[in-house]
Amino acid sequence: MMKTFLMANIAAFLLTASAAEAAENYQYRVAFMPDIHFHDVYGTFQDGAFSGLKNQKSGQNAMIRTMYAQLTSTRLFNENYFALRAALDNAGSKGIKLIALPGDFSDDGQPVHIRGLVTLLQ
């Protein structure tokens, strides 16, 4: 029993030493982006119930809320799509390969927004 205990401690020491050496040679950089509440501005409802509002310049339909809804709400809706894309691009330009997304992925949990987030992250 003492031999097993000793061998386990030696193995643990060697693993810890190897992990410590590896950590010294590698810089871990992680970006944390909590509570992104993603709203897919360019998403589409699978049942076609709402095609969005047409952007007069691009011609592309967008699922956005009106300016009145934006101004009277305490939450970001239209803007967070562009803010998240910019934050992800910024992290990538800095060589950050690990991004933690703790918290709420979407504001309302609608599948259209979760599908859009998956597409964006791919």
PDB file of N, CA and C in Angstrom:
ATOM      1  N   MET A   1       0.821  -1.182   0.000  1.00  0.00           N
ATOM      2  CA  MET A   1       0.000   0.000   0.000  1.00  0.00           C
ATOM      3  C   MET A   1       0.876   1.260   0.000  1.00  0.00           C
ATOM      4  N   MET A   2       1.925   1.262   0.763  1.00  0.00           N
ATOM      5  CA  MET A   2       2.846   2.402   0.801  1.00  0.00           C
ATOM      6  C   MET A   2       3.508   2.607  -0.547  1.00  0.00           C
ATOM      7  N   LYS A   3       3.828   1.492  -1.222  1.00  0.00           N
ATOM      8  CA  LYS A   3       4.466   1.575  -2.528  1.00  0.00           C
ATOM      9  C   LYS A   3       3.503   2.219  -3.543  1.00  0.00           C
ATOM     10  N   THR A   4       2.220   1.843  -3.511  1.00  0.00           N
ATOM     11  CA  THR A   4       1.225   2.416  -4.401  1.00  0.00           C
ATOM     12  C   THR A   4       1.066   3.906  -4.137  1.00  0.00           C
ATOM     13  N   PHE A   5       1.017   4.276  -2.867  1.00  0.00           N
ATOM     14  CA  PHE A   5       0.895   5.679  -2.488  1.00  0.00           C
ATOM     15  C   PHE A   5       2.096   6.482  -2.980  1.00  0.00           C
ATOM     16  N   LEU A   6       3.283   5.933  -2.802  1.00  0.00           N
ATOM     17  CA  LEU A   6       4.508   6.602  -3.230  1.00  0.00           C
ATOM     18  C   LEU A   6       4.547   6.744  -4.746  1.00  0.00           C
ATOM     19  N   MET A   7       4.176   5.706  -5.473  1.00  0.00           N
ATOM     20  CA  MET A   7       4.185   5.743  -6.928  1.00  0.00           C
ATOM     21  C   MET A   7       3.168   6.780  -7.444  1.00  0.00           C
ATOM     22  N   ALA A   8       2.011   6.857  -6.811  1.00  0.00           N
ATOM     23  CA  ALA A   8       0.993   7.823  -7.216  1.00  0.00           C
ATOM     24  C   ALA A   8       1.496   9.243  -6.997  1.00  0.00           C
ATOM     25  N   ASN A   9       2.176   9.477  -5.880  1.00  0.00           N
ATOM     26  CA  ASN A   9       2.703  10.819  -5.606  1.00  0.00           C
ATOM     27  C   ASN A   9       3.823  11.190  -6.569  1.00  0.00           C
ATOM     28  N   ILE A  10       4.663  10.235  -6.914  1.00  0.00           N
ATOM     29  CA  ILE A  10       5.742  10.506  -7.878  1.00  0.00           C
ATOM     30  C   ILE A  10       5.135  10.822  -9.238  1.00  0.00           C
ATOM     31  N   ALA A  11       4.143  10.042  -9.650  1.00  0.00           N
ATOM     32  CA  ALA A  11       3.485  10.282 -10.939  1.00  0.00           C
ATOM     33  C   ALA A  11       2.821  11.654 -10.948  1.00  0.00           C
ATOM     34  N   ALA A  12       2.154  12.010  -9.859  1.00  0.00           N
ATOM     35  CA  ALA A  12       1.504  13.315  -9.765  1.00  0.00           C
ATOM     36  C   ALA A  12       2.543  14.428  -9.843  1.00  0.00           C
ATOM     37  N   PHE A  13       3.682  14.251  -9.184  1.00  0.00           N
ATOM     38  CA  PHE A  13       4.745  15.260  -9.223  1.00  0.00           C
ATOM     39  C   PHE A  13       5.276  15.426 -10.646  1.00  0.00           C
ATOM     40  N   LEU A  14       5.502  14.302 -11.318  1.00  0.00           N
ATOM     41  CA  LEU A  14       6.026  14.370 -12.680  1.00  0.00           C
ATOM     42  C   LEU A  14       5.032  15.033 -13.629  1.00  0.00           C
ATOM     43  N   LEU A  15       3.755  14.706 -13.488  1.00  0.00           N
ATOM     44  CA  LEU A  15       2.739  15.333 -14.333  1.00  0.00           C
ATOM     45  C   LEU A  15       2.657  16.833 -14.060  1.00  0.00           C
ATOM     46  N   THR A  16       2.715  17.186 -12.775  1.00  0.00           N
ATOM     47  CA  THR A  16       2.657  18.603 -12.408  1.00  0.00           C
ATOM     48  C   THR A  16       3.882  19.340 -12.940  1.00  0.00           C
ATOM     49  N   ALA A  17       5.051  18.726 -12.815  1.00  0.00           N
ATOM     50  CA  ALA A  17       6.274  19.353 -13.312  1.00  0.00           C
ATOM     51  C   ALA A  17       6.202  19.529 -14.824  1.00  0.00           C
ATOM     52  N   SER A  18       5.715  18.516 -15.536  1.00  0.00           N
ATOM     53  CA  SER A  18       5.595  18.611 -16.988  1.00  0.00           C
ATOM     54  C   SER A  18       4.585  19.680 -17.376  1.00  0.00           C
ATOM     55  N   ALA A  19       3.476  19.746 -16.654  1.00  0.00           N
ATOM     56  CA  ALA A  19       2.462  20.746 -16.934  1.00  0.00           C
ATOM     57  C   ALA A  19       3.005  22.144 -16.663  1.00  0.00           C
ATOM     58  N   ALA A  20       3.779  22.274 -15.598  1.00  0.00           N
ATOM     59  CA  ALA A  20       4.360  23.576 -15.261  1.00  0.00           C
ATOM     60  C   ALA A  20       5.348  24.019 -16.341  1.00  0.00           C
ATOM     61  N   GLU A  21       6.165  23.085 -16.821  1.00  0.00           N
ATOM     62  CA  GLU A  21       7.111  23.415 -17.893  1.00  0.00           C
ATOM     63  C   GLU A  21       6.363  23.816 -19.154  1.00  0.00           C
ATOM     64  N   ALA A  22       5.301  23.095 -19.479  1.00  0.00           N
ATOM     65  CA  ALA A  22       4.521  23.408 -20.675  1.00  0.00           C
ATOM     66  C   ALA A  22       3.877  24.784 -20.540  1.00  0.00           C
ATOM     67  N   ALA A  23       3.354  25.096 -19.354  1.00  0.00           N
ATOM     68  CA  ALA A  23       2.721  26.391 -19.135  1.00  0.00           C
ATOM     69  C   ALA A  23       3.721  27.527 -19.246  1.00  0.00           C
ATOM     70  N   GLU A  24       4.956  27.299 -18.824  1.00  0.00           N
ATOM     71  CA  GLU A  24       5.987  28.329 -18.929  1.00  0.00           C
ATOM     72  C   GLU A  24       6.335  28.618 -20.385  1.00  0.00           C
ATOM     73  N   ASN A  25       6.195  27.627 -21.243  1.00  0.00           N
ATOM     74  CA  ASN A  25       6.559  27.783 -22.645  1.00  0.00           C
ATOM     75  C   ASN A  25       5.389  28.213 -23.530  1.00  0.00           C
ATOM     76  N   TYR A  26       4.216  28.337 -22.976  1.00  0.00           N
ATOM     77  CA  TYR A  26       3.046  28.673 -23.776  1.00  0.00           C
ATOM     78  C   TYR A  26       2.253  29.754 -23.068  1.00  0.00           C
ATOM     79  N   GLN A  27       1.900  30.779 -23.789  1.00  0.00           N
ATOM     80  CA  GLN A  27       1.072  31.832 -23.222  1.00  0.00           C
ATOM     81  C   GLN A  27      -0.382  31.565 -23.586  1.00  0.00           C
ATOM     82  N   TYR A  28      -1.193  31.377 -22.580  1.00  0.00           N
ATOM     83  CA  TYR A  28      -2.616  31.174 -22.798  1.00  0.00           C
ATOM     84  C   TYR A  28      -3.285  32.535 -22.827  1.00  0.00           C
ATOM     85  N   ARG A  29      -4.012  32.789 -23.879  1.00  0.00           N
ATOM     86  CA  ARG A  29      -4.751  34.035 -23.983  1.00  0.00           C
ATOM     87  C   ARG A  29      -6.200  33.673 -24.237  1.00  0.00           C
ATOM     88  N   VAL A  30      -7.057  34.110 -23.341  1.00  0.00           N
ATOM     89  CA  VAL A  30      -8.478  33.803 -23.436  1.00  0.00           C
ATOM     90  C   VAL A  30      -9.262  35.109 -23.368  1.00  0.00           C
ATOM     91  N   ALA A  31     -10.196  35.279 -24.267  1.00  0.00           N
ATOM     92  CA  ALA A  31     -11.101  36.423 -24.222  1.00  0.00           C
ATOM     93  C   ALA A  31     -12.404  35.960 -23.574  1.00  0.00           C
ATOM     94  N   PHE A  32     -12.909  36.747 -22.651  1.00  0.00           N
ATOM     95  CA  PHE A  32     -14.189  36.460 -22.012  1.00  0.00           C
ATOM     96  C   PHE A  32     -15.216  37.465 -22.524  1.00  0.00           C
ATOM     97  N   MET A  33     -16.295  36.938 -23.082  1.00  0.00           N
ATOM     98  CA  MET A  33     -17.374  37.776 -23.600  1.00  0.00           C
ATOM     99  C   MET A  33     -18.682  37.289 -22.979  1.00  0.00           C
ATOM    100  N   PRO A  34     -18.984  37.762 -21.776  1.00  0.00           N
ATOM    101  CA  PRO A  34     -20.173  37.257 -21.068  1.00  0.00           C
ATOM    102  C   PRO A  34     -21.474  37.907 -21.532  1.00  0.00           C
ATOM    103  N   ASP A  35     -22.543  37.150 -21.401  1.00  0.00           N
ATOM    104  CA  ASP A  35     -23.902  37.652 -21.653  1.00  0.00           C
ATOM    105  C   ASP A  35     -24.021  38.404 -22.974  1.00  0.00           C
ATOM    106  N   ILE A  36     -23.700  37.733 -24.055  1.00  0.00           N
ATOM    107  CA  ILE A  36     -23.703  38.410 -25.353  1.00  0.00           C
ATOM    108  C   ILE A  36     -25.114  38.714 -25.861  1.00  0.00           C
ATOM    109  N   HIS A  37     -26.113  37.975 -25.416  1.00  0.00           N
ATOM    110  CA  HIS A  37     -27.506  38.207 -25.819  1.00  0.00           C
ATOM    111  C   HIS A  37     -27.616  38.441 -27.328  1.00  0.00           C
ATOM    112  N   PHE A  38     -27.079  37.513 -28.078  1.00  0.00           N
ATOM    113  CA  PHE A  38     -27.017  37.639 -29.536  1.00  0.00           C
ATOM    114  C   PHE A  38     -28.409  37.726 -30.156  1.00  0.00           C
ATOM    115  N   HIS A  39     -28.580  38.668 -31.043  1.00  0.00           N
ATOM    116  CA  HIS A  39     -29.805  38.830 -31.823  1.00  0.00           C
ATOM    117  C   HIS A  39     -29.382  38.813 -33.286  1.00  0.00           C
ATOM    118  N   ASP A  40     -29.770  37.770 -34.017  1.00  0.00           N
ATOM    119  CA  ASP A  40     -29.335  37.620 -35.407  1.00  0.00           C
ATOM    120  C   ASP A  40     -30.114  38.564 -36.310  1.00  0.00           C
ATOM    121  N   VAL A  41     -29.504  39.681 -36.626  1.00  0.00           N
ATOM    122  CA  VAL A  41     -30.139  40.702 -37.449  1.00  0.00           C
ATOM    123  C   VAL A  41     -30.505  40.157 -38.829  1.00  0.00           C
ATOM    124  N   TYR A  42     -29.687  39.269 -39.364  1.00  0.00           N
ATOM    125  CA  TYR A  42     -29.921  38.766 -40.717  1.00  0.00           C
ATOM    126  C   TYR A  42     -30.452  37.331 -40.729  1.00  0.00           C
ATOM    127  N   GLY A  43     -30.985  36.879 -39.617  1.00  0.00           N
ATOM    128  CA  GLY A  43     -31.545  35.531 -39.542  1.00  0.00           C
ATOM    129  C   GLY A  43     -32.870  35.433 -40.287  1.00  0.00           C
ATOM    130  N   THR A  44     -33.317  34.210 -40.486  1.00  0.00           N
ATOM    131  CA  THR A  44     -34.621  33.986 -41.128  1.00  0.00           C
ATOM    132  C   THR A  44     -35.400  32.973 -40.299  1.00  0.00           C
ATOM    133  N   PHE A  45     -36.685  33.252 -40.143  1.00  0.00           N
ATOM    134  CA  PHE A  45     -37.551  32.299 -39.465  1.00  0.00           C
ATOM    135  C   PHE A  45     -37.804  31.137 -40.417  1.00  0.00           C
ATOM    136  N   GLN A  46     -37.698  29.925 -39.923  1.00  0.00           N
ATOM    137  CA  GLN A  46     -37.859  28.763 -40.790  1.00  0.00           C
ATOM    138  C   GLN A  46     -39.273  28.640 -41.343  1.00  0.00           C
ATOM    139  N   ASP A  47     -40.248  29.178 -40.601  1.00  0.00           N
ATOM    140  CA  ASP A  47     -41.621  29.067 -41.101  1.00  0.00           C
ATOM    141  C   ASP A  47     -42.003  30.235 -42.011  1.00  0.00           C
ATOM    142  N   GLY A  48     -41.094  31.174 -42.218  1.00  0.00           N
ATOM    143  CA  GLY A  48     -41.352  32.293 -43.117  1.00  0.00           C
ATOM    144  C   GLY A  48     -42.363  33.289 -42.576  1.00  0.00           C
ATOM    145  N   ALA A  49     -42.629  33.260 -41.260  1.00  0.00           N
ATOM    146  CA  ALA A  49     -43.640  34.119 -40.666  1.00  0.00           C
ATOM    147  C   ALA A  49     -43.282  35.609 -40.778  1.00  0.00           C
ATOM    148  N   PHE A  50     -42.011  35.919 -40.790  1.00  0.00           N
ATOM    149  CA  PHE A  50     -41.581  37.316 -40.878  1.00  0.00           C
ATOM    150  C   PHE A  50     -40.286  37.357 -41.667  1.00  0.00           C
ATOM    151  N   SER A  51     -40.280  38.109 -42.736  1.00  0.00           N
ATOM    152  CA  SER A  51     -39.078  38.147 -43.580  1.00  0.00           C
ATOM    153  C   SER A  51     -38.156  39.292 -43.222  1.00  0.00           C
ATOM    154  N   GLY A  52     -38.569  40.151 -42.310  1.00  0.00           N
ATOM    155  CA  GLY A  52     -37.724  41.261 -41.898  1.00  0.00           C
ATOM    156  C   GLY A  52     -38.068  42.547 -42.618  1.00  0.00           C
ATOM    157  N   LEU A  53     -37.340  43.579 -42.276  1.00  0.00           N
ATOM    158  CA  LEU A  53     -37.518  44.881 -42.893  1.00  0.00           C
ATOM    159  C   LEU A  53     -36.431  45.072 -43.937  1.00  0.00           C
ATOM    160  N   LYS A  54     -36.798  45.550 -45.110  1.00  0.00           N
ATOM    161  CA  LYS A  54     -35.833  45.697 -46.199  1.00  0.00           C
ATOM    162  C   LYS A  54     -34.935  46.912 -45.961  1.00  0.00           C
ATOM    163  N   ASN A  55     -33.628  46.675 -46.043  1.00  0.00           N
ATOM    164  CA  ASN A  55     -32.652  47.755 -45.980  1.00  0.00           C
ATOM    165  C   ASN A  55     -32.653  48.439 -47.343  1.00  0.00           C
ATOM    166  N   GLN A  56     -32.952  49.723 -47.361  1.00  0.00           N
ATOM    167  CA  GLN A  56     -33.080  50.448 -48.622  1.00  0.00           C
ATOM    168  C   GLN A  56     -31.761  50.536 -49.392  1.00  0.00           C
ATOM    169  N   LYS A  57     -30.632  50.500 -48.699  1.00  0.00           N
ATOM    170  CA  LYS A  57     -29.337  50.608 -49.372  1.00  0.00           C
ATOM    171  C   LYS A  57     -28.843  49.260 -49.897  1.00  0.00           C
ATOM    172  N   SER A  58     -28.894  48.227 -49.034  1.00  0.00           N
ATOM    173  CA  SER A  58     -28.345  46.926 -49.435  1.00  0.00           C
ATOM    174  C   SER A  58     -29.372  46.011 -50.094  1.00  0.00           C
ATOM    175  N   GLY A  59     -30.652  46.290 -49.829  1.00  0.00           N
ATOM    176  CA  GLY A  59     -31.698  45.418 -50.354  1.00  0.00           C
ATOM    177  C   GLY A  59     -31.900  44.171 -49.515  1.00  0.00           C
ATOM    178  N   GLN A  60     -31.065  43.975 -48.511  1.00  0.00           N
ATOM    179  CA  GLN A  60     -31.143  42.780 -47.658  1.00  0.00           C
ATOM    180  C   GLN A  60     -32.177  42.993 -46.556  1.00  0.00           C
ATOM    181  N   ASN A  61     -32.980  41.961 -46.302  1.00  0.00           N
ATOM    182  CA  ASN A  61     -33.934  42.036 -45.211  1.00  0.00           C
ATOM    183  C   ASN A  61     -33.208  41.861 -43.884  1.00  0.00           C
ATOM    184  N   ALA A  62     -33.679  42.582 -42.872  1.00  0.00           N
ATOM    185  CA  ALA A  62     -33.067  42.492 -41.545  1.00  0.00           C
ATOM    186  C   ALA A  62     -34.165  42.361 -40.495  1.00  0.00           C
ATOM    187  N   MET A  63     -33.929  41.487 -39.530  1.00  0.00           N
ATOM    188  CA  MET A  63     -34.858  41.335 -38.411  1.00  0.00           C
ATOM    189  C   MET A  63     -34.415  42.295 -37.315  1.00  0.00           C
ATOM    190  N   ILE A  64     -34.837  43.527 -37.456  1.00  0.00           N
ATOM    191  CA  ILE A  64     -34.443  44.548 -36.487  1.00  0.00           C
ATOM    192  C   ILE A  64     -35.673  45.093 -35.794  1.00  0.00           C
ATOM    193  N   ARG A  65     -35.447  45.723 -34.692  1.00  0.00           N
ATOM    194  CA  ARG A  65     -36.524  46.385 -33.971  1.00  0.00           C
ATOM    195  C   ARG A  65     -36.528  47.858 -34.368  1.00  0.00           C
ATOM    196  N   THR A  66     -37.659  48.466 -34.219  1.00  0.00           N
ATOM    197  CA  THR A  66     -37.781  49.879 -34.597  1.00  0.00           C
ATOM    198  C   THR A  66     -36.950  50.755 -33.669  1.00  0.00           C
ATOM    199  N   MET A  67     -36.672  51.963 -34.101  1.00  0.00           N
ATOM    200  CA  MET A  67     -35.924  52.900 -33.272  1.00  0.00           C
ATOM    201  C   MET A  67     -36.684  53.177 -31.979  1.00  0.00           C
ATOM    202  N   TYR A  68     -38.010  53.269 -32.047  1.00  0.00           N
ATOM    203  CA  TYR A  68     -38.792  53.496 -30.834  1.00  0.00           C
ATOM    204  C   TYR A  68     -38.591  52.349 -29.843  1.00  0.00           C
ATOM    205  N   ALA A  69     -38.622  51.116 -30.331  1.00  0.00           N
ATOM    206  CA  ALA A  69     -38.409  49.960 -29.453  1.00  0.00           C
ATOM    207  C   ALA A  69     -37.009  49.993 -28.850  1.00  0.00           C
ATOM    208  N   GLN A  70     -36.045  50.425 -29.635  1.00  0.00           N
ATOM    209  CA  GLN A  70     -34.671  50.524 -29.140  1.00  0.00           C
ATOM    210  C   GLN A  70     -34.564  51.563 -28.021  1.00  0.00           C
ATOM    211  N   LEU A  71     -35.175  52.727 -28.247  1.00  0.00           N
ATOM    212  CA  LEU A  71     -35.048  53.832 -27.302  1.00  0.00           C
ATOM    213  C   LEU A  71     -35.807  53.597 -26.001  1.00  0.00           C
ATOM    214  N   THR A  72     -36.850  52.793 -26.050  1.00  0.00           N
ATOM    215  CA  THR A  72     -37.655  52.562 -24.851  1.00  0.00           C
ATOM    216  C   THR A  72     -37.304  51.262 -24.145  1.00  0.00           C
ATOM    217  N   SER A  73     -36.285  50.567 -24.598  1.00  0.00           N
ATOM    218  CA  SER A  73     -35.881  49.297 -23.990  1.00  0.00           C
ATOM    219  C   SER A  73     -34.609  49.487 -23.166  1.00  0.00           C
ATOM    220  N   THR A  74     -34.431  48.612 -22.199  1.00  0.00           N
ATOM    221  CA  THR A  74     -33.195  48.634 -21.402  1.00  0.00           C
ATOM    222  C   THR A  74     -32.157  47.676 -21.966  1.00  0.00           C
ATOM    223  N   ARG A  75     -32.467  47.029 -23.081  1.00  0.00           N
ATOM    224  CA  ARG A  75     -31.570  46.024 -23.652  1.00  0.00           C
ATOM    225  C   ARG A  75     -31.102  46.420 -25.039  1.00  0.00           C
ATOM    226  N   LEU A  76     -29.940  45.899 -25.402  1.00  0.00           N
ATOM    227  CA  LEU A  76     -29.453  46.064 -26.767  1.00  0.00           C
ATOM    228  C   LEU A  76     -30.100  45.005 -27.649  1.00  0.00           C
ATOM    229  N   PHE A  77     -30.472  45.364 -28.826  1.00  0.00           N
ATOM    230  CA  PHE A  77     -31.000  44.379 -29.759  1.00  0.00           C
ATOM    231  C   PHE A  77     -30.226  44.434 -31.062  1.00  0.00           C
ATOM    232  N   ASN A  78     -30.477  45.448 -31.866  1.00  0.00           N
ATOM    233  CA  ASN A  78     -29.847  45.518 -33.175  1.00  0.00           C
ATOM    234  C   ASN A  78     -28.334  45.674 -33.072  1.00  0.00           C
ATOM    235  N   GLU A  79     -27.869  46.456 -32.111  1.00  0.00           N
ATOM    236  CA  GLU A  79     -26.453  46.768 -32.031  1.00  0.00           C
ATOM    237  C   GLU A  79     -25.580  45.591 -31.631  1.00  0.00           C
ATOM    238  N   ASN A  80     -26.099  44.674 -30.821  1.00  0.00           N
ATOM    239  CA  ASN A  80     -25.219  43.628 -30.303  1.00  0.00           C
ATOM    240  C   ASN A  80     -24.730  42.670 -31.382  1.00  0.00           C
ATOM    241  N   TYR A  81     -25.434  42.550 -32.484  1.00  0.00           N
ATOM    242  CA  TYR A  81     -24.969  41.727 -33.606  1.00  0.00           C
ATOM    243  C   TYR A  81     -23.627  42.267 -34.104  1.00  0.00           C
ATOM    244  N   PHE A  82     -23.586  43.556 -34.339  1.00  0.00           N
ATOM    245  CA  PHE A  82     -22.385  44.190 -34.883  1.00  0.00           C
ATOM    246  C   PHE A  82     -21.282  44.294 -33.829  1.00  0.00           C
ATOM    247  N   ALA A  83     -21.664  44.513 -32.573  1.00  0.00           N
ATOM    248  CA  ALA A  83     -20.679  44.598 -31.490  1.00  0.00           C
ATOM    249  C   ALA A  83     -19.994  43.247 -31.288  1.00  0.00           C
ATOM    250  N   LEU A  84     -20.754  42.148 -31.330  1.00  0.00           N
ATOM    251  CA  LEU A  84     -20.157  40.821 -31.163  1.00  0.00           C
ATOM    252  C   LEU A  84     -19.222  40.503 -32.320  1.00  0.00           C
ATOM    253  N   ARG A  85     -19.649  40.786 -33.540  1.00  0.00           N
ATOM    254  CA  ARG A  85     -18.768  40.538 -34.699  1.00  0.00           C
ATOM    255  C   ARG A  85     -17.465  41.323 -34.553  1.00  0.00           C
ATOM    256  N   ALA A  86     -17.558  42.573 -34.147  1.00  0.00           N
ATOM    257  CA  ALA A  86     -16.364  43.402 -33.978  1.00  0.00           C
ATOM    258  C   ALA A  86     -15.478  42.853 -32.867  1.00  0.00           C
ATOM    259  N   ALA A  87     -16.084  42.403 -31.764  1.00  0.00           N
ATOM    260  CA  ALA A  87     -15.306  41.853 -30.648  1.00  0.00           C
ATOM    261  C   ALA A  87     -14.593  40.569 -31.057  1.00  0.00           C
ATOM    262  N   LEU A  88     -15.275  39.699 -31.812  1.00  0.00           N
ATOM    263  CA  LEU A  88     -14.651  38.459 -32.277  1.00  0.00           C
ATOM    264  C   LEU A  88     -13.513  38.762 -33.250  1.00  0.00           C
ATOM    265  N   ASP A  89     -13.739  39.698 -34.163  1.00  0.00           N
ATOM    266  CA  ASP A  89     -12.687  40.092 -35.111  1.00  0.00           C
ATOM    267  C   ASP A  89     -11.485  40.671 -34.366  1.00  0.00           C
ATOM    268  N   ASN A  90     -11.756  41.479 -33.345  1.00  0.00           N
ATOM    269  CA  ASN A  90     -10.689  42.091 -32.562  1.00  0.00           C
ATOM    270  C   ASN A  90      -9.872  41.026 -31.838  1.00  0.00           C
ATOM    271  N   ALA A  91     -10.552  40.063 -31.235  1.00  0.00           N
ATOM    272  CA  ALA A  91      -9.837  38.980 -30.543  1.00  0.00           C
ATOM    273  C   ALA A  91      -8.981  38.197 -31.534  1.00  0.00           C
ATOM    274  N   GLY A  92      -9.527  37.894 -32.703  1.00  0.00           N
ATOM    275  CA  GLY A  92      -8.774  37.166 -33.723  1.00  0.00           C
ATOM    276  C   GLY A  92      -7.560  37.938 -34.198  1.00  0.00           C
ATOM    277  N   SER A  93      -7.700  39.253 -34.351  1.00  0.00           N
ATOM    278  CA  SER A  93      -6.565  40.062 -34.815  1.00  0.00           C
ATOM    279  C   SER A  93      -5.440  40.114 -33.779  1.00  0.00           C
ATOM    280  N   LYS A  94      -5.789  39.830 -32.525  1.00  0.00           N
ATOM    281  CA  LYS A  94      -4.777  39.808 -31.457  1.00  0.00           C
ATOM    282  C   LYS A  94      -4.221  38.405 -31.228  1.00  0.00           C
ATOM    283  N   GLY A  95      -4.621  37.455 -32.066  1.00  0.00           N
ATOM    284  CA  GLY A  95      -4.112  36.097 -31.956  1.00  0.00           C
ATOM    285  C   GLY A  95      -4.784  35.263 -30.878  1.00  0.00           C
ATOM    286  N   ILE A  96      -5.892  35.738 -30.345  1.00  0.00           N
ATOM    287  CA  ILE A  96      -6.607  34.990 -29.299  1.00  0.00           C
ATOM    288  C   ILE A  96      -7.408  33.883 -29.973  1.00  0.00           C
ATOM    289  N   LYS A  97      -7.154  32.665 -29.542  1.00  0.00           N
ATOM    290  CA  LYS A  97      -7.808  31.510 -30.154  1.00  0.00           C
ATOM    291  C   LYS A  97      -8.876  30.890 -29.259  1.00  0.00           C
ATOM    292  N   LEU A  98      -8.892  31.263 -27.981  1.00  0.00           N
ATOM    293  CA  LEU A  98      -9.876  30.728 -27.035  1.00  0.00           C
ATOM    294  C   LEU A  98     -10.791  31.860 -26.579  1.00  0.00           C
ATOM    295  N   ILE A  99     -12.085  31.666 -26.742  1.00  0.00           N
ATOM    296  CA  ILE A  99     -13.051  32.673 -26.327  1.00  0.00           C
ATOM    297  C   ILE A  99     -14.114  31.989 -25.481  1.00  0.00           C
ATOM    298  N   ALA A 100     -14.272  32.477 -24.266  1.00  0.00           N
ATOM    299  CA  ALA A 100     -15.287  31.944 -23.352  1.00  0.00           C
ATOM    300  C   ALA A 100     -16.534  32.813 -23.478  1.00  0.00           C
ATOM    301  N   LEU A 101     -17.671  32.172 -23.612  1.00  0.00           N
ATOM    302  CA  LEU A 101     -18.944  32.881 -23.730  1.00  0.00           C
ATOM    303  C   LEU A 101     -19.867  32.490 -22.570  1.00  0.00           C
ATOM    304  N   PRO A 102     -19.510  32.870 -21.344  1.00  0.00           N
ATOM    305  CA  PRO A 102     -20.383  32.537 -20.222  1.00  0.00           C
ATOM    306  C   PRO A 102     -21.618  33.427 -20.219  1.00  0.00           C
ATOM    307  N   GLY A 103     -22.697  32.911 -19.747  1.00  0.00           N
ATOM    308  CA  GLY A 103     -23.899  33.723 -19.640  1.00  0.00           C
ATOM    309  C   GLY A 103     -24.910  33.403 -20.716  1.00  0.00           C
ATOM    310  N   ASP A 104     -25.801  34.322 -20.954  1.00  0.00           N
ATOM    311  CA  ASP A 104     -26.894  34.117 -21.903  1.00  0.00           C
ATOM    312  C   ASP A 104     -26.415  34.312 -23.336  1.00  0.00           C
ATOM    313  N   PHE A 105     -26.697  33.333 -24.185  1.00  0.00           N
ATOM    314  CA  PHE A 105     -26.330  33.428 -25.599  1.00  0.00           C
ATOM    315  C   PHE A 105     -27.302  34.319 -26.369  1.00  0.00           C
ATOM    316  N   SER A 106     -28.558  34.317 -25.987  1.00  0.00           N
ATOM    317  CA  SER A 106     -29.534  35.158 -26.678  1.00  0.00           C
ATOM    318  C   SER A 106     -30.447  35.777 -25.640  1.00  0.00           C
ATOM    319  N   ASP A 107     -31.145  36.803 -26.051  1.00  0.00           N
ATOM    320  CA  ASP A 107     -32.031  37.509 -25.139  1.00  0.00           C
ATOM    321  C   ASP A 107     -33.313  36.736 -24.894  1.00  0.00           C
ATOM    322  N   ASP A 108     -33.789  36.053 -25.925  1.00  0.00           N
ATOM    323  CA  ASP A 108     -35.097  35.420 -25.825  1.00  0.00           C
ATOM    324  C   ASP A 108     -35.074  33.912 -26.070  1.00  0.00           C
ATOM    325  N   GLY A 109     -33.917  33.355 -26.423  1.00  0.00           N
ATOM    326  CA  GLY A 109     -33.808  31.918 -26.644  1.00  0.00           C
ATOM    327  C   GLY A 109     -34.443  31.425 -27.931  1.00  0.00           C
ATOM    328  N   GLN A 110     -34.853  32.324 -28.813  1.00  0.00           N
ATOM    329  CA  GLN A 110     -35.477  31.883 -30.048  1.00  0.00           C
ATOM    330  C   GLN A 110     -34.470  31.120 -30.896  1.00  0.00           C
ATOM    331  N   PRO A 111     -34.902  30.007 -31.487  1.00  0.00           N
ATOM    332  CA  PRO A 111     -34.001  29.201 -32.318  1.00  0.00           C
ATOM    333  C   PRO A 111     -33.324  29.997 -33.433  1.00  0.00           C
ATOM    334  N   VAL A 112     -34.003  30.984 -33.997  1.00  0.00           N
ATOM    335  CA  VAL A 112     -33.416  31.760 -35.084  1.00  0.00           C
ATOM    336  C   VAL A 112     -32.126  32.441 -34.615  1.00  0.00           C
ATOM    337  N   HIS A 113     -32.089  32.896 -33.385  1.00  0.00           N
ATOM    338  CA  HIS A 113     -30.897  33.578 -32.878  1.00  0.00           C
ATOM    339  C   HIS A 113     -29.791  32.584 -32.515  1.00  0.00           C
ATOM    340  N   ILE A 114     -30.160  31.425 -31.999  1.00  0.00           N
ATOM    341  CA  ILE A 114     -29.167  30.395 -31.679  1.00  0.00           C
ATOM    342  C   ILE A 114     -28.545  29.869 -32.971  1.00  0.00           C
ATOM    343  N   ARG A 115     -29.363  29.636 -34.015  1.00  0.00           N
ATOM    344  CA  ARG A 115     -28.815  29.208 -35.307  1.00  0.00           C
ATOM    345  C   ARG A 115     -27.855  30.265 -35.859  1.00  0.00           C
ATOM    346  N   GLY A 116     -28.228  31.523 -35.740  1.00  0.00           N
ATOM    347  CA  GLY A 116     -27.369  32.601 -36.227  1.00  0.00           C
ATOM    348  C   GLY A 116     -26.057  32.662 -35.480  1.00  0.00           C
ATOM    349  N   LEU A 117     -26.094  32.434 -34.169  1.00  0.00           N
ATOM    350  CA  LEU A 117     -24.862  32.438 -33.379  1.00  0.00           C
ATOM    351  C   LEU A 117     -23.955  31.284 -33.794  1.00  0.00           C
ATOM    352  N   VAL A 118     -24.537  30.115 -34.007  1.00  0.00           N
ATOM    353  CA  VAL A 118     -23.740  28.969 -34.457  1.00  0.00           C
ATOM    354  C   VAL A 118     -23.070  29.288 -35.791  1.00  0.00           C
ATOM    355  N   THR A 119     -23.819  29.869 -36.707  1.00  0.00           N
ATOM    356  CA  THR A 119     -23.269  30.237 -38.018  1.00  0.00           C
ATOM    357  C   THR A 119     -22.145  31.244 -37.865  1.00  0.00           C
ATOM    358  N   LEU A 120     -22.355  32.249 -37.034  1.00  0.00           N
ATOM    359  CA  LEU A 120     -21.337  33.277 -36.821  1.00  0.00           C
ATOM    360  C   LEU A 120     -20.064  32.695 -36.226  1.00  0.00           C
ATOM    361  N   LEU A 121     -20.205  31.796 -35.264  1.00  0.00           N
ATOM    362  CA  LEU A 121     -19.033  31.222 -34.600  1.00  0.00           C
ATOM    363  C   LEU A 121     -18.283  30.230 -35.490  1.00  0.00           C
ATOM    364  N   GLN A 122     -18.988  29.636 -36.450  1.00  0.00           N
ATOM    365  CA  GLN A 122     -18.310  28.723 -37.369  1.00  0.00           C
ATOM    366  C   GLN A 122     -17.424  29.509 -38.304  1.00  0.00           C
TER     367      GLN A 122
END
